[in-house]
Protein backbone atom coordinates (compact mmCIF):
# COMPACT_ATOMS: atom_id res chain seq x y z
CA UNK A 1 8.38 -26.39 -3.91
CA UNK A 2 5.23 -25.58 -1.92
CA UNK A 3 7.08 -22.89 0.00
CA UNK A 4 7.74 -21.01 -3.25
CA UNK A 5 4.03 -20.99 -4.07
CA UNK A 6 3.26 -19.90 -0.48
CA UNK A 7 5.84 -17.11 -0.76
CA UNK A 8 4.20 -16.02 -4.01
CA UNK A 9 0.82 -15.73 -2.31
CA UNK A 10 2.28 -13.68 0.54
CA UNK A 11 4.15 -11.44 -1.93
CA UNK A 12 0.95 -10.97 -3.93
CA UNK A 13 -0.95 -10.01 -0.78
CA UNK A 14 1.72 -7.46 0.14
CA UNK A 15 1.50 -5.96 -3.37
CA UNK A 16 -2.27 -5.65 -3.21
CA UNK A 17 -2.15 -4.12 0.27
CA UNK A 18 0.55 -1.67 -0.76
CA UNK A 19 -0.89 -0.58 -4.09
CA UNK A 20 -4.62 -0.79 -3.41
CA UNK A 21 -4.81 0.34 0.22
CA UNK A 22 -1.64 2.00 1.47
CA UNK A 23 -0.89 4.14 -1.59
CA UNK A 24 -4.42 5.61 -1.88
CA UNK A 25 -4.38 6.34 1.86
CA UNK A 26 -1.04 8.10 1.42
CA UNK A 27 -2.25 10.39 -1.34
CA UNK A 28 -5.90 10.85 -0.43
CA UNK A 29 -5.48 11.27 3.33
CA UNK A 30 -1.92 12.57 3.41
CA UNK A 31 -0.88 9.67 5.67
CA UNK A 32 2.32 8.03 4.39
CA UNK A 33 2.81 5.73 7.38
CA UNK A 34 1.30 2.61 5.81
CA UNK A 35 3.52 2.97 2.73
CA UNK A 36 6.58 3.51 4.92
CA UNK A 37 5.88 0.18 6.64
CA UNK A 38 4.48 -1.91 3.78
CA UNK A 39 6.91 -0.65 1.12
CA UNK A 40 10.06 -2.24 2.54
CA UNK A 41 8.16 -5.40 3.52
CA UNK A 42 6.83 -5.79 -0.01
CA UNK A 43 10.27 -5.06 -1.47
CA UNK A 44 11.88 -7.77 0.65
CA UNK A 45 9.15 -10.27 -0.21
CA UNK A 46 9.43 -9.43 -3.92
CA UNK A 47 13.20 -10.01 -3.90
CA UNK A 48 12.82 -13.22 -1.87
CA UNK A 49 10.20 -14.47 -4.35
CA UNK A 50 12.45 -13.82 -7.35
CA UNK A 51 15.35 -15.49 -5.56
CA UNK A 52 13.15 -18.51 -4.80
CA UNK A 53 12.11 -18.75 -8.45
CA UNK A 54 15.77 -18.59 -9.47
CA UNK A 55 16.60 -21.44 -7.07
CA UNK A 56 13.90 -23.59 -8.66
CA UNK A 57 15.26 -23.29 -12.22
CA UNK A 58 16.78 -26.60 -13.37
CA UNK A 59 15.50 -28.18 -10.16
CA UNK A 60 11.73 -28.00 -10.72
CA UNK A 61 11.19 -25.53 -13.56
CA UNK A 62 12.68 -24.46 -16.86
CA UNK A 63 14.37 -21.11 -17.56
CA UNK A 64 11.08 -19.33 -18.46
CA UNK A 65 10.05 -19.33 -14.81
CA UNK A 66 12.13 -16.31 -13.73
CA UNK A 67 11.24 -13.79 -16.49
CA UNK A 68 7.55 -14.76 -16.53
CA UNK A 69 7.44 -14.77 -12.71
CA UNK A 70 9.10 -11.35 -12.59
CA UNK A 71 6.62 -9.87 -15.05
CA UNK A 72 3.65 -11.44 -13.28
CA UNK A 73 4.80 -10.34 -9.82
CA UNK A 74 5.20 -6.78 -11.09
CA UNK A 75 1.40 -6.38 -11.10
CA UNK A 76 -0.92 -6.64 -8.09
CA UNK A 77 -2.30 -10.16 -8.06
CA UNK A 78 0.05 -11.32 -10.80
CA UNK A 79 1.99 -13.58 -8.45
CA UNK A 80 -1.26 -15.41 -7.68
CA UNK A 81 -1.91 -15.95 -11.39
CA UNK A 82 1.66 -17.19 -11.87
CA UNK A 83 1.67 -19.45 -8.80
CA UNK A 84 -1.51 -21.11 -10.03
CA UNK A 85 0.35 -22.00 -13.22
CA UNK A 86 3.33 -23.27 -11.22
CA UNK A 87 0.99 -25.50 -9.24
CA UNK A 88 -0.43 -26.90 -12.47
CA UNK A 89 3.07 -27.78 -13.73
CA UNK A 90 3.12 -25.30 -16.64
CA UNK A 91 6.84 -24.56 -16.24
CA UNK A 92 7.90 -28.08 -15.19
CA UNK A 93 11.13 -29.48 -16.59
CA UNK A 94 9.38 -32.44 -18.18
CA UNK A 95 5.82 -33.42 -19.01
CA UNK A 96 5.92 -36.25 -16.47
CA UNK A 97 6.37 -33.88 -13.52
CA UNK A 98 3.58 -33.92 -10.99
CA UNK A 99 1.80 -30.74 -9.85
CA UNK A 100 2.71 -29.23 -6.48
CA UNK A 101 -0.29 -30.66 -4.65
CA UNK A 102 0.43 -34.27 -5.67
């Protein structure tokens, strides 16, 4: 389960880099090269993250994980917010589940 949280952090970093650095550089400096590189990387990481969340349903988490994770990952930094909640066991299948770091 730690690899899902790690993937969420990497996906969140790619979103922040794409939306907060590469996109302004594209439009303010007329240099689309960063977006052309980071865009597909972020897209692949985003899809891999959603797939990883889907794999964890009924194994570690309940059904709410995928829609909430999708909405959170749709905003820069949202995956970090969501992964923090995964680590705390917010979406665990039962109350007795231990957090990721345990």
